[in-house]
Amino acid sequence: MTHQETRTRLLETALQLIWQSNYNSVGVNEICKQAGVTKGSFYHHFESKAVLLCEAMEYYWESTRQLVDEIMSPMHSPLEQLERYIQFIFERKFDEAAGRVRGCPYFASSSLTGCEDEMIIRSQQKLLENGVKYNAALIKNLLADDYLEGEIDPARMGRLMSQYIHGVVSYARVSSDIPTIKADLTEGLFRLINLKPEYWFAIKQASNLNTEANA
């Protein structure tokens, strides 16, 4: 493997293992074994497991950002952006065929690494803030085209959306009823952002069609 291939494999392997388990239970030895690299090679690329986690979170965000940029493209109406965003959450966070919830690796790790590592905390905060900014942009678009009811502060609603979505996904990780959780997440999000009721059915119907097409 080239230098870059080794580094990428370590990042992707760490993400996969943390996604399947959690940060504290995944050791350097297991990461190296699954990635097919030596510990010497690991420490050539990363000073510690904490450094690897921070860089893996950034790597994850970059791949996510490209997808979200496409979702939020001006080519789509704000309602289509919301519909695509919900579908993105389903595809990214839930594995219904396997009956499990992937969740978000960097968000899940935040409750398991403790608060003593400032580097990890700063990385997690940065990525959460990035997600909130995209949420706020979506709210601004929906407000501009009169899809929402009432007075809404986009920045505050962006934070609330992030808290709500991550909370539901965390709850879903201990629930076996994924279809119900997905339905609850959708309706709860509509209620949270004050989406006008006349637009609920259109998004739910489109989401159901997308789910069936991907089955």
N, C-alpha and C. Protein backbone atom coordinates (compact mmCIF):
# COMPACT_ATOMS: atom_id res chain seq x y z
N MET A 1 0.84 -1.20 0.00
CA MET A 1 0.00 0.00 0.00
C MET A 1 0.87 1.25 0.00
N THR A 2 0.38 2.30 -0.65
CA THR A 2 1.08 3.57 -0.61
C THR A 2 0.86 4.23 0.75
N HIS A 3 1.61 5.29 0.99
CA HIS A 3 1.48 6.04 2.24
C HIS A 3 0.04 6.50 2.44
N GLN A 4 -0.55 7.08 1.39
CA GLN A 4 -1.92 7.61 1.50
C GLN A 4 -2.94 6.48 1.65
N GLU A 5 -2.72 5.37 0.96
CA GLU A 5 -3.64 4.24 1.06
C GLU A 5 -3.65 3.67 2.48
N THR A 6 -2.48 3.60 3.10
CA THR A 6 -2.39 3.10 4.47
C THR A 6 -3.13 4.03 5.43
N ARG A 7 -2.92 5.31 5.26
CA ARG A 7 -3.57 6.30 6.12
C ARG A 7 -5.09 6.24 5.97
N THR A 8 -5.55 6.17 4.73
CA THR A 8 -6.99 6.10 4.47
C THR A 8 -7.60 4.83 5.04
N ARG A 9 -6.89 3.72 4.90
CA ARG A 9 -7.41 2.46 5.43
C ARG A 9 -7.54 2.51 6.95
N LEU A 10 -6.58 3.13 7.62
CA LEU A 10 -6.65 3.26 9.07
C LEU A 10 -7.83 4.14 9.48
N LEU A 11 -8.04 5.23 8.77
CA LEU A 11 -9.17 6.12 9.07
C LEU A 11 -10.50 5.40 8.88
N GLU A 12 -10.64 4.72 7.76
CA GLU A 12 -11.91 4.04 7.46
C GLU A 12 -12.15 2.87 8.40
N THR A 13 -11.09 2.15 8.75
CA THR A 13 -11.23 1.02 9.67
C THR A 13 -11.62 1.50 11.06
N ALA A 14 -10.99 2.57 11.51
CA ALA A 14 -11.32 3.12 12.83
C ALA A 14 -12.78 3.56 12.87
N LEU A 15 -13.23 4.24 11.83
CA LEU A 15 -14.63 4.67 11.78
C LEU A 15 -15.58 3.48 11.84
N GLN A 16 -15.27 2.45 11.05
CA GLN A 16 -16.14 1.29 10.99
C GLN A 16 -16.22 0.58 12.34
N LEU A 17 -15.08 0.41 12.99
CA LEU A 17 -15.05 -0.29 14.28
C LEU A 17 -15.75 0.52 15.36
N ILE A 18 -15.52 1.83 15.37
CA ILE A 18 -16.17 2.68 16.37
C ILE A 18 -17.67 2.71 16.13
N TRP A 19 -18.06 2.72 14.85
CA TRP A 19 -19.48 2.71 14.50
C TRP A 19 -20.15 1.44 15.00
N GLN A 20 -19.45 0.32 14.87
CA GLN A 20 -20.01 -0.97 15.28
C GLN A 20 -19.99 -1.14 16.79
N SER A 21 -19.04 -0.51 17.46
CA SER A 21 -18.89 -0.68 18.90
C SER A 21 -18.87 0.69 19.57
N ASN A 22 -17.72 1.10 20.10
CA ASN A 22 -17.54 2.45 20.62
C ASN A 22 -16.05 2.72 20.77
N TYR A 23 -15.71 3.96 20.99
CA TYR A 23 -14.31 4.38 21.02
C TYR A 23 -13.51 3.65 22.09
N ASN A 24 -14.05 3.56 23.29
CA ASN A 24 -13.29 2.99 24.40
C ASN A 24 -13.00 1.51 24.23
N SER A 25 -13.87 0.79 23.54
CA SER A 25 -13.69 -0.66 23.42
C SER A 25 -12.84 -1.06 22.21
N VAL A 26 -12.48 -0.09 21.38
CA VAL A 26 -11.67 -0.38 20.20
C VAL A 26 -10.23 0.05 20.46
N GLY A 27 -9.31 -0.91 20.42
CA GLY A 27 -7.91 -0.62 20.69
C GLY A 27 -7.08 -0.50 19.42
N VAL A 28 -5.87 0.01 19.58
CA VAL A 28 -4.96 0.17 18.44
C VAL A 28 -4.66 -1.18 17.79
N ASN A 29 -4.49 -2.22 18.61
CA ASN A 29 -4.19 -3.55 18.06
C ASN A 29 -5.30 -4.03 17.13
N GLU A 30 -6.55 -3.83 17.54
CA GLU A 30 -7.67 -4.28 16.72
C GLU A 30 -7.76 -3.47 15.43
N ILE A 31 -7.54 -2.16 15.54
CA ILE A 31 -7.57 -1.31 14.35
C ILE A 31 -6.51 -1.76 13.35
N CYS A 32 -5.30 -2.01 13.85
CA CYS A 32 -4.21 -2.45 12.97
C CYS A 32 -4.53 -3.80 12.33
N LYS A 33 -5.06 -4.72 13.13
CA LYS A 33 -5.38 -6.05 12.62
C LYS A 33 -6.42 -5.97 11.51
N GLN A 34 -7.49 -5.22 11.76
CA GLN A 34 -8.56 -5.12 10.77
C GLN A 34 -8.12 -4.35 9.52
N ALA A 35 -7.22 -3.39 9.71
CA ALA A 35 -6.73 -2.60 8.57
C ALA A 35 -5.62 -3.31 7.81
N GLY A 36 -5.02 -4.33 8.44
CA GLY A 36 -3.94 -5.06 7.80
C GLY A 36 -2.64 -4.28 7.77
N VAL A 37 -2.38 -3.51 8.83
CA VAL A 37 -1.13 -2.74 8.92
C VAL A 37 -0.46 -3.02 10.26
N THR A 38 0.80 -2.69 10.37
CA THR A 38 1.54 -2.91 11.61
C THR A 38 1.33 -1.75 12.57
N LYS A 39 1.63 -1.99 13.86
CA LYS A 39 1.54 -0.91 14.83
C LYS A 39 2.56 0.18 14.52
N GLY A 40 3.71 -0.23 14.00
CA GLY A 40 4.70 0.76 13.62
C GLY A 40 4.18 1.70 12.56
N SER A 41 3.45 1.13 11.61
CA SER A 41 2.85 1.95 10.55
C SER A 41 1.78 2.86 11.13
N PHE A 42 1.01 2.33 12.09
CA PHE A 42 -0.03 3.14 12.74
C PHE A 42 0.59 4.39 13.37
N TYR A 43 1.63 4.18 14.17
CA TYR A 43 2.22 5.31 14.89
C TYR A 43 3.06 6.21 13.98
N HIS A 44 3.36 5.74 12.79
CA HIS A 44 3.99 6.61 11.80
C HIS A 44 2.99 7.66 11.31
N HIS A 45 1.72 7.26 11.24
CA HIS A 45 0.67 8.15 10.73
C HIS A 45 -0.03 8.93 11.84
N PHE A 46 -0.19 8.30 13.01
CA PHE A 46 -0.97 8.92 14.08
C PHE A 46 -0.24 8.79 15.41
N GLU A 47 -0.17 9.88 16.13
CA GLU A 47 0.55 9.89 17.40
C GLU A 47 -0.14 9.03 18.45
N SER A 48 -1.46 8.95 18.39
CA SER A 48 -2.22 8.20 19.39
C SER A 48 -3.59 7.84 18.82
N LYS A 49 -4.33 7.03 19.56
CA LYS A 49 -5.69 6.69 19.14
C LYS A 49 -6.58 7.93 19.16
N ALA A 50 -6.34 8.83 20.09
CA ALA A 50 -7.13 10.07 20.16
C ALA A 50 -6.92 10.92 18.91
N VAL A 51 -5.67 11.01 18.46
CA VAL A 51 -5.38 11.76 17.23
C VAL A 51 -6.08 11.09 16.04
N LEU A 52 -6.03 9.76 16.01
CA LEU A 52 -6.71 9.03 14.94
C LEU A 52 -8.20 9.34 14.95
N LEU A 53 -8.82 9.33 16.14
CA LEU A 53 -10.25 9.62 16.23
C LEU A 53 -10.57 11.00 15.67
N CYS A 54 -9.78 12.00 16.05
CA CYS A 54 -10.03 13.36 15.58
C CYS A 54 -9.93 13.45 14.07
N GLU A 55 -8.91 12.81 13.51
CA GLU A 55 -8.75 12.86 12.05
C GLU A 55 -9.80 12.01 11.35
N ALA A 56 -10.20 10.91 11.98
CA ALA A 56 -11.25 10.07 11.40
C ALA A 56 -12.59 10.82 11.37
N MET A 57 -12.86 11.60 12.43
CA MET A 57 -14.08 12.39 12.45
C MET A 57 -14.08 13.43 11.34
N GLU A 58 -12.93 14.06 11.12
CA GLU A 58 -12.81 15.05 10.05
C GLU A 58 -12.98 14.37 8.68
N TYR A 59 -12.42 13.19 8.54
CA TYR A 59 -12.55 12.41 7.30
C TYR A 59 -14.02 12.07 7.05
N TYR A 60 -14.70 11.65 8.11
CA TYR A 60 -16.13 11.33 8.01
C TYR A 60 -16.93 12.56 7.61
N TRP A 61 -16.60 13.70 8.22
CA TRP A 61 -17.34 14.92 7.92
C TRP A 61 -17.15 15.34 6.46
N GLU A 62 -15.94 15.21 5.93
CA GLU A 62 -15.70 15.61 4.55
C GLU A 62 -16.54 14.79 3.58
N SER A 63 -16.65 13.49 3.84
CA SER A 63 -17.49 12.66 2.97
C SER A 63 -18.96 13.01 3.15
N THR A 64 -19.35 13.34 4.38
CA THR A 64 -20.73 13.73 4.65
C THR A 64 -21.05 15.08 4.02
N ARG A 65 -20.11 16.02 4.14
CA ARG A 65 -20.34 17.37 3.63
C ARG A 65 -20.63 17.37 2.13
N GLN A 66 -19.92 16.56 1.39
CA GLN A 66 -20.14 16.50 -0.05
C GLN A 66 -21.57 16.05 -0.37
N LEU A 67 -22.07 15.09 0.39
CA LEU A 67 -23.43 14.61 0.19
C LEU A 67 -24.45 15.67 0.58
N VAL A 68 -24.20 16.35 1.70
CA VAL A 68 -25.14 17.37 2.17
C VAL A 68 -25.14 18.57 1.23
N ASP A 69 -23.98 18.91 0.67
CA ASP A 69 -23.93 20.01 -0.30
C ASP A 69 -24.84 19.71 -1.50
N GLU A 70 -24.85 18.46 -1.91
CA GLU A 70 -25.72 18.08 -3.03
C GLU A 70 -27.19 18.16 -2.62
N ILE A 71 -27.48 17.73 -1.39
CA ILE A 71 -28.86 17.79 -0.89
C ILE A 71 -29.36 19.23 -0.84
N MET A 72 -28.48 20.14 -0.40
CA MET A 72 -28.86 21.54 -0.23
C MET A 72 -28.65 22.38 -1.48
N SER A 73 -28.41 21.74 -2.60
CA SER A 73 -28.18 22.46 -3.85
C SER A 73 -29.38 23.35 -4.20
N PRO A 74 -29.13 24.57 -4.69
CA PRO A 74 -30.23 25.45 -5.13
C PRO A 74 -31.06 24.85 -6.25
N MET A 75 -30.56 23.77 -6.87
CA MET A 75 -31.33 23.10 -7.91
C MET A 75 -32.59 22.46 -7.34
N HIS A 76 -32.59 22.20 -6.02
CA HIS A 76 -33.75 21.60 -5.37
C HIS A 76 -34.53 22.67 -4.61
N SER A 77 -35.83 22.54 -4.60
CA SER A 77 -36.65 23.46 -3.80
C SER A 77 -36.39 23.19 -2.32
N PRO A 78 -36.68 24.15 -1.43
CA PRO A 78 -36.49 23.91 0.00
C PRO A 78 -37.22 22.67 0.50
N LEU A 79 -38.42 22.42 -0.03
CA LEU A 79 -39.17 21.24 0.40
C LEU A 79 -38.46 19.96 -0.06
N GLU A 80 -37.89 19.99 -1.26
CA GLU A 80 -37.11 18.84 -1.74
C GLU A 80 -35.84 18.67 -0.91
N GLN A 81 -35.25 19.78 -0.50
CA GLN A 81 -34.06 19.70 0.35
C GLN A 81 -34.39 19.01 1.67
N LEU A 82 -35.52 19.38 2.27
CA LEU A 82 -35.95 18.75 3.52
C LEU A 82 -36.22 17.26 3.31
N GLU A 83 -36.91 16.94 2.23
CA GLU A 83 -37.21 15.54 1.92
C GLU A 83 -35.92 14.74 1.75
N ARG A 84 -34.97 15.28 0.99
CA ARG A 84 -33.71 14.59 0.74
C ARG A 84 -32.88 14.47 2.02
N TYR A 85 -32.97 15.49 2.87
CA TYR A 85 -32.23 15.47 4.13
C TYR A 85 -32.74 14.35 5.04
N ILE A 86 -34.05 14.20 5.12
CA ILE A 86 -34.63 13.13 5.94
C ILE A 86 -34.22 11.77 5.39
N GLN A 87 -34.27 11.62 4.07
CA GLN A 87 -33.87 10.36 3.46
C GLN A 87 -32.39 10.07 3.71
N PHE A 88 -31.58 11.12 3.68
CA PHE A 88 -30.15 10.99 3.97
C PHE A 88 -29.93 10.48 5.39
N ILE A 89 -30.69 11.01 6.34
CA ILE A 89 -30.58 10.55 7.73
C ILE A 89 -30.91 9.06 7.81
N PHE A 90 -31.99 8.65 7.16
CA PHE A 90 -32.38 7.24 7.18
C PHE A 90 -31.28 6.35 6.61
N GLU A 91 -30.74 6.75 5.46
CA GLU A 91 -29.75 5.91 4.79
C GLU A 91 -28.42 5.89 5.55
N ARG A 92 -28.08 7.02 6.17
CA ARG A 92 -26.78 7.14 6.84
C ARG A 92 -26.79 6.53 8.24
N LYS A 93 -27.90 6.67 8.94
CA LYS A 93 -27.94 6.28 10.35
C LYS A 93 -28.57 4.92 10.60
N PHE A 94 -29.44 4.46 9.69
CA PHE A 94 -30.19 3.23 9.94
C PHE A 94 -29.82 2.14 8.93
N ASP A 95 -29.68 0.92 9.42
CA ASP A 95 -29.50 -0.24 8.55
C ASP A 95 -30.67 -1.17 8.83
N GLU A 96 -31.79 -0.87 8.16
CA GLU A 96 -33.03 -1.59 8.46
C GLU A 96 -32.93 -3.06 8.07
N ALA A 97 -32.21 -3.37 6.99
CA ALA A 97 -32.08 -4.75 6.55
C ALA A 97 -31.39 -5.61 7.61
N ALA A 98 -30.40 -5.01 8.28
CA ALA A 98 -29.67 -5.73 9.33
C ALA A 98 -30.32 -5.56 10.69
N GLY A 99 -31.36 -4.72 10.76
CA GLY A 99 -32.05 -4.51 12.02
C GLY A 99 -31.23 -3.79 13.07
N ARG A 100 -30.37 -2.86 12.62
CA ARG A 100 -29.55 -2.13 13.58
C ARG A 100 -29.45 -0.66 13.20
N VAL A 101 -29.02 0.14 14.15
CA VAL A 101 -28.86 1.57 13.95
C VAL A 101 -27.38 1.90 14.01
N ARG A 102 -26.86 2.49 12.94
CA ARG A 102 -25.44 2.84 12.92
C ARG A 102 -25.16 4.03 13.82
N GLY A 103 -26.06 5.00 13.78
CA GLY A 103 -25.82 6.22 14.54
C GLY A 103 -24.73 7.05 13.89
N CYS A 104 -24.13 7.91 14.67
CA CYS A 104 -23.07 8.79 14.18
C CYS A 104 -21.81 8.51 14.98
N PRO A 105 -20.70 8.10 14.35
CA PRO A 105 -19.52 7.71 15.11
C PRO A 105 -18.95 8.79 16.01
N TYR A 106 -18.88 10.04 15.52
CA TYR A 106 -18.27 11.06 16.37
C TYR A 106 -19.22 11.53 17.47
N PHE A 107 -20.53 11.48 17.22
CA PHE A 107 -21.47 11.88 18.26
C PHE A 107 -21.56 10.80 19.34
N ALA A 108 -21.62 9.53 18.91
CA ALA A 108 -21.69 8.43 19.88
C ALA A 108 -20.45 8.37 20.74
N SER A 109 -19.30 8.66 20.15
CA SER A 109 -18.05 8.57 20.92
C SER A 109 -17.95 9.64 21.99
N SER A 110 -18.68 10.76 21.83
CA SER A 110 -18.56 11.86 22.78
C SER A 110 -19.02 11.49 24.18
N SER A 111 -19.96 10.55 24.28
CA SER A 111 -20.45 10.14 25.59
C SER A 111 -19.64 9.01 26.18
N LEU A 112 -18.63 8.54 25.43
CA LEU A 112 -17.87 7.37 25.88
C LEU A 112 -16.40 7.66 26.11
N THR A 113 -15.91 8.81 25.63
CA THR A 113 -14.49 9.11 25.78
C THR A 113 -14.20 9.93 27.02
N GLY A 114 -15.24 10.43 27.68
CA GLY A 114 -15.01 11.30 28.82
C GLY A 114 -14.71 12.71 28.36
N CYS A 115 -14.52 13.61 29.30
CA CYS A 115 -14.32 15.01 28.96
C CYS A 115 -12.89 15.48 29.23
N GLU A 116 -11.97 14.54 29.46
CA GLU A 116 -10.63 14.94 29.83
C GLU A 116 -9.75 15.27 28.63
N ASP A 117 -10.12 14.81 27.45
CA ASP A 117 -9.29 15.05 26.27
C ASP A 117 -9.84 16.24 25.50
N GLU A 118 -9.21 17.39 25.68
CA GLU A 118 -9.69 18.63 25.06
C GLU A 118 -9.63 18.56 23.55
N MET A 119 -8.65 17.86 23.00
CA MET A 119 -8.52 17.75 21.55
C MET A 119 -9.75 17.07 20.95
N ILE A 120 -10.19 15.97 21.58
CA ILE A 120 -11.36 15.25 21.09
C ILE A 120 -12.61 16.11 21.24
N ILE A 121 -12.73 16.78 22.37
CA ILE A 121 -13.91 17.62 22.60
C ILE A 121 -13.99 18.72 21.56
N ARG A 122 -12.87 19.38 21.26
CA ARG A 122 -12.87 20.46 20.27
C ARG A 122 -13.25 19.93 18.89
N SER A 123 -12.74 18.76 18.55
CA SER A 123 -13.07 18.17 17.24
C SER A 123 -14.56 17.86 17.15
N GLN A 124 -15.11 17.29 18.21
CA GLN A 124 -16.53 16.96 18.21
C GLN A 124 -17.39 18.22 18.14
N GLN A 125 -17.00 19.24 18.88
CA GLN A 125 -17.75 20.49 18.87
C GLN A 125 -17.73 21.13 17.49
N LYS A 126 -16.58 21.10 16.84
CA LYS A 126 -16.45 21.68 15.50
C LYS A 126 -17.38 20.99 14.51
N LEU A 127 -17.41 19.66 14.56
CA LEU A 127 -18.24 18.92 13.61
C LEU A 127 -19.73 19.10 13.90
N LEU A 128 -20.08 19.16 15.18
CA LEU A 128 -21.48 19.41 15.51
C LEU A 128 -21.90 20.80 15.04
N GLU A 129 -21.01 21.78 15.20
CA GLU A 129 -21.31 23.14 14.74
C GLU A 129 -21.48 23.19 13.23
N ASN A 130 -20.67 22.40 12.51
CA ASN A 130 -20.82 22.34 11.05
C ASN A 130 -22.21 21.84 10.67
N GLY A 131 -22.67 20.80 11.35
CA GLY A 131 -24.00 20.26 11.07
C GLY A 131 -25.10 21.25 11.39
N VAL A 132 -24.94 21.99 12.48
CA VAL A 132 -25.94 22.99 12.87
C VAL A 132 -26.04 24.08 11.81
N LYS A 133 -24.92 24.48 11.23
CA LYS A 133 -24.93 25.52 10.19
C LYS A 133 -25.73 25.07 8.98
N TYR A 134 -25.59 23.81 8.59
CA TYR A 134 -26.37 23.30 7.46
C TYR A 134 -27.86 23.27 7.82
N ASN A 135 -28.17 22.87 9.05
CA ASN A 135 -29.57 22.87 9.48
C ASN A 135 -30.15 24.28 9.41
N ALA A 136 -29.39 25.25 9.90
CA ALA A 136 -29.85 26.64 9.90
C ALA A 136 -30.08 27.14 8.48
N ALA A 137 -29.20 26.75 7.56
CA ALA A 137 -29.36 27.15 6.16
C ALA A 137 -30.64 26.57 5.57
N LEU A 138 -30.94 25.32 5.92
CA LEU A 138 -32.17 24.69 5.45
C LEU A 138 -33.39 25.43 5.99
N ILE A 139 -33.36 25.80 7.26
CA ILE A 139 -34.48 26.53 7.86
C ILE A 139 -34.67 27.88 7.16
N LYS A 140 -33.57 28.57 6.87
CA LYS A 140 -33.67 29.86 6.16
C LYS A 140 -34.34 29.68 4.80
N ASN A 141 -33.98 28.62 4.10
CA ASN A 141 -34.58 28.36 2.79
C ASN A 141 -36.07 28.07 2.90
N LEU A 142 -36.45 27.28 3.90
CA LEU A 142 -37.86 26.95 4.10
C LEU A 142 -38.66 28.19 4.49
N LEU A 143 -38.07 29.05 5.32
CA LEU A 143 -38.74 30.29 5.71
C LEU A 143 -38.92 31.22 4.51
N ALA A 144 -37.89 31.30 3.69
CA ALA A 144 -37.93 32.21 2.54
C ALA A 144 -39.05 31.86 1.58
N ASP A 145 -39.37 30.57 1.46
CA ASP A 145 -40.43 30.13 0.55
C ASP A 145 -41.75 29.84 1.27
N ASP A 146 -41.84 30.29 2.53
CA ASP A 146 -43.10 30.25 3.28
C ASP A 146 -43.61 28.83 3.54
N TYR A 147 -42.70 27.91 3.86
CA TYR A 147 -43.11 26.55 4.19
C TYR A 147 -43.32 26.36 5.70
N LEU A 148 -42.86 27.32 6.50
CA LEU A 148 -42.92 27.17 7.95
C LEU A 148 -43.88 28.19 8.56
N GLU A 149 -44.43 27.84 9.72
CA GLU A 149 -45.35 28.72 10.42
C GLU A 149 -44.63 29.45 11.56
N GLY A 150 -45.05 30.68 11.82
CA GLY A 150 -44.57 31.40 12.99
C GLY A 150 -43.21 32.05 12.81
N GLU A 151 -42.76 32.71 13.89
CA GLU A 151 -41.46 33.36 13.92
C GLU A 151 -40.41 32.35 14.37
N ILE A 152 -39.38 32.16 13.56
CA ILE A 152 -38.36 31.15 13.86
C ILE A 152 -36.97 31.76 13.70
N ASP A 153 -36.12 31.51 14.67
CA ASP A 153 -34.72 31.91 14.60
C ASP A 153 -33.94 30.74 13.97
N PRO A 154 -33.45 30.88 12.75
CA PRO A 154 -32.77 29.76 12.07
C PRO A 154 -31.60 29.17 12.85
N ALA A 155 -30.80 30.02 13.49
CA ALA A 155 -29.64 29.51 14.23
C ALA A 155 -30.08 28.63 15.40
N ARG A 156 -31.06 29.12 16.14
CA ARG A 156 -31.56 28.33 17.28
C ARG A 156 -32.23 27.05 16.80
N MET A 157 -33.03 27.15 15.74
CA MET A 157 -33.71 25.96 15.22
C MET A 157 -32.70 24.96 14.68
N GLY A 158 -31.61 25.46 14.10
CA GLY A 158 -30.56 24.56 13.62
C GLY A 158 -29.98 23.73 14.75
N ARG A 159 -29.77 24.36 15.92
CA ARG A 159 -29.27 23.63 17.09
C ARG A 159 -30.30 22.62 17.58
N LEU A 160 -31.56 23.05 17.64
CA LEU A 160 -32.62 22.15 18.12
C LEU A 160 -32.77 20.94 17.20
N MET A 161 -32.65 21.16 15.90
CA MET A 161 -32.73 20.03 14.96
C MET A 161 -31.63 19.02 15.22
N SER A 162 -30.42 19.52 15.42
CA SER A 162 -29.29 18.62 15.68
C SER A 162 -29.51 17.83 16.96
N GLN A 163 -29.94 18.52 18.01
CA GLN A 163 -30.19 17.85 19.29
C GLN A 163 -31.29 16.80 19.15
N TYR A 164 -32.34 17.16 18.44
CA TYR A 164 -33.46 16.24 18.28
C TYR A 164 -33.06 15.00 17.48
N ILE A 165 -32.42 15.20 16.34
CA ILE A 165 -32.06 14.08 15.47
C ILE A 165 -31.09 13.13 16.17
N HIS A 166 -30.05 13.68 16.80
CA HIS A 166 -29.09 12.83 17.49
C HIS A 166 -29.74 12.12 18.68
N GLY A 167 -30.68 12.80 19.33
CA GLY A 167 -31.38 12.17 20.45
C GLY A 167 -32.23 10.99 19.99
N VAL A 168 -32.95 11.16 18.89
CA VAL A 168 -33.78 10.08 18.37
C VAL A 168 -32.92 8.91 17.92
N VAL A 169 -31.81 9.21 17.24
CA VAL A 169 -30.93 8.14 16.76
C VAL A 169 -30.32 7.38 17.94
N SER A 170 -29.94 8.10 18.99
CA SER A 170 -29.39 7.44 20.19
C SER A 170 -30.45 6.54 20.82
N TYR A 171 -31.68 7.03 20.89
CA TYR A 171 -32.78 6.22 21.43
C TYR A 171 -32.99 4.98 20.56
N ALA A 172 -32.90 5.16 19.25
CA ALA A 172 -33.15 4.05 18.32
C ALA A 172 -32.13 2.93 18.48
N ARG A 173 -30.94 3.26 18.98
CA ARG A 173 -29.91 2.23 19.11
C ARG A 173 -30.27 1.18 20.16
N VAL A 174 -31.23 1.50 21.03
CA VAL A 174 -31.66 0.50 22.02
C VAL A 174 -33.09 0.05 21.74
N SER A 175 -33.63 0.45 20.60
CA SER A 175 -34.99 0.05 20.23
C SER A 175 -34.93 -0.89 19.03
N SER A 176 -35.81 -1.87 19.00
CA SER A 176 -35.83 -2.83 17.89
C SER A 176 -36.84 -2.46 16.82
N ASP A 177 -37.61 -1.40 17.04
CA ASP A 177 -38.68 -1.04 16.11
C ASP A 177 -38.23 0.12 15.23
N ILE A 178 -37.36 -0.17 14.28
CA ILE A 178 -36.79 0.89 13.43
C ILE A 178 -37.85 1.58 12.57
N PRO A 179 -38.80 0.87 11.94
CA PRO A 179 -39.81 1.57 11.13
C PRO A 179 -40.59 2.62 11.94
N THR A 180 -40.95 2.27 13.18
CA THR A 180 -41.67 3.23 14.02
C THR A 180 -40.80 4.42 14.37
N ILE A 181 -39.53 4.16 14.69
CA ILE A 181 -38.61 5.23 15.03
C ILE A 181 -38.46 6.19 13.84
N LYS A 182 -38.35 5.65 12.64
CA LYS A 182 -38.20 6.48 11.45
C LYS A 182 -39.44 7.35 11.23
N ALA A 183 -40.62 6.76 11.44
CA ALA A 183 -41.85 7.52 11.29
C ALA A 183 -41.94 8.62 12.35
N ASP A 184 -41.55 8.27 13.58
CA ASP A 184 -41.58 9.26 14.66
C ASP A 184 -40.59 10.38 14.41
N LEU A 185 -39.40 10.03 13.90
CA LEU A 185 -38.40 11.05 13.63
C LEU A 185 -38.92 12.05 12.60
N THR A 186 -39.56 11.54 11.56
CA THR A 186 -40.08 12.41 10.50
C THR A 186 -41.14 13.36 11.04
N GLU A 187 -42.15 12.80 11.71
CA GLU A 187 -43.23 13.66 12.21
C GLU A 187 -42.73 14.61 13.28
N GLY A 188 -41.85 14.12 14.15
CA GLY A 188 -41.30 14.98 15.19
C GLY A 188 -40.52 16.15 14.61
N LEU A 189 -39.79 15.89 13.54
CA LEU A 189 -39.03 16.96 12.89
C LEU A 189 -39.96 17.99 12.27
N PHE A 190 -41.04 17.51 11.64
CA PHE A 190 -42.02 18.44 11.07
C PHE A 190 -42.60 19.35 12.15
N ARG A 191 -42.93 18.75 13.29
CA ARG A 191 -43.51 19.53 14.39
C ARG A 191 -42.50 20.52 14.96
N LEU A 192 -41.26 20.06 15.08
CA LEU A 192 -40.22 20.91 15.67
C LEU A 192 -39.99 22.17 14.84
N ILE A 193 -39.91 22.02 13.53
CA ILE A 193 -39.60 23.17 12.68
C ILE A 193 -40.84 23.95 12.27
N ASN A 194 -42.02 23.48 12.70
CA ASN A 194 -43.29 24.13 12.35
C ASN A 194 -43.57 24.10 10.85
N LEU A 195 -43.31 22.95 10.23
CA LEU A 195 -43.65 22.80 8.83
C LEU A 195 -45.17 22.85 8.68
N LYS A 196 -45.65 23.62 7.73
CA LYS A 196 -47.09 23.73 7.53
C LYS A 196 -47.67 22.35 7.20
N PRO A 197 -48.77 21.98 7.86
CA PRO A 197 -49.33 20.62 7.72
C PRO A 197 -49.62 20.20 6.29
N GLU A 198 -49.94 21.14 5.41
CA GLU A 198 -50.28 20.76 4.04
C GLU A 198 -49.10 20.17 3.27
N TYR A 199 -47.89 20.31 3.82
CA TYR A 199 -46.71 19.77 3.13
C TYR A 199 -46.24 18.44 3.73
N TRP A 200 -46.85 18.02 4.83
CA TRP A 200 -46.41 16.79 5.49
C TRP A 200 -46.56 15.57 4.59
N PHE A 201 -47.74 15.42 4.00
CA PHE A 201 -48.04 14.20 3.24
C PHE A 201 -47.11 14.06 2.04
N ALA A 202 -46.82 15.16 1.36
CA ALA A 202 -45.98 15.09 0.16
C ALA A 202 -44.60 14.54 0.50
N ILE A 203 -44.03 14.97 1.62
CA ILE A 203 -42.70 14.50 2.00
C ILE A 203 -42.76 13.06 2.47
N LYS A 204 -43.76 12.72 3.29
CA LYS A 204 -43.88 11.34 3.77
C LYS A 204 -44.05 10.37 2.61
N GLN A 205 -44.88 10.76 1.63
CA GLN A 205 -45.12 9.90 0.48
C GLN A 205 -43.84 9.70 -0.32
N ALA A 206 -43.09 10.78 -0.54
CA ALA A 206 -41.84 10.68 -1.29
C ALA A 206 -40.82 9.83 -0.54
N SER A 207 -40.76 9.98 0.78
CA SER A 207 -39.82 9.20 1.59
C SER A 207 -40.15 7.72 1.53
N ASN A 208 -41.44 7.39 1.57
CA ASN A 208 -41.86 5.99 1.49
C ASN A 208 -41.50 5.38 0.14
N LEU A 209 -41.66 6.16 -0.93
CA LEU A 209 -41.32 5.67 -2.26
C LEU A 209 -39.82 5.43 -2.38
N ASN A 210 -39.02 6.34 -1.79
CA ASN A 210 -37.57 6.18 -1.83
C ASN A 210 -37.13 4.95 -1.04
N THR A 211 -37.79 4.72 0.11
CA THR A 211 -37.47 3.56 0.93
C THR A 211 -37.77 2.27 0.19
N GLU A 212 -38.93 2.23 -0.49
CA GLU A 212 -39.31 1.04 -1.24
C GLU A 212 -38.35 0.80 -2.41
N ALA A 213 -37.92 1.88 -3.05
CA ALA A 213 -37.01 1.76 -4.19
C ALA A 213 -35.66 1.22 -3.78
N ASN A 214 -35.24 1.56 -2.53
CA ASN A 214 -33.93 1.12 -2.04
C ASN A 214 -33.98 -0.25 -1.39
N ALA A 215 -35.20 -0.80 -1.21
CA ALA A 215 -35.34 -2.10 -0.53
C ALA A 215 -34.83 -3.23 -1.41
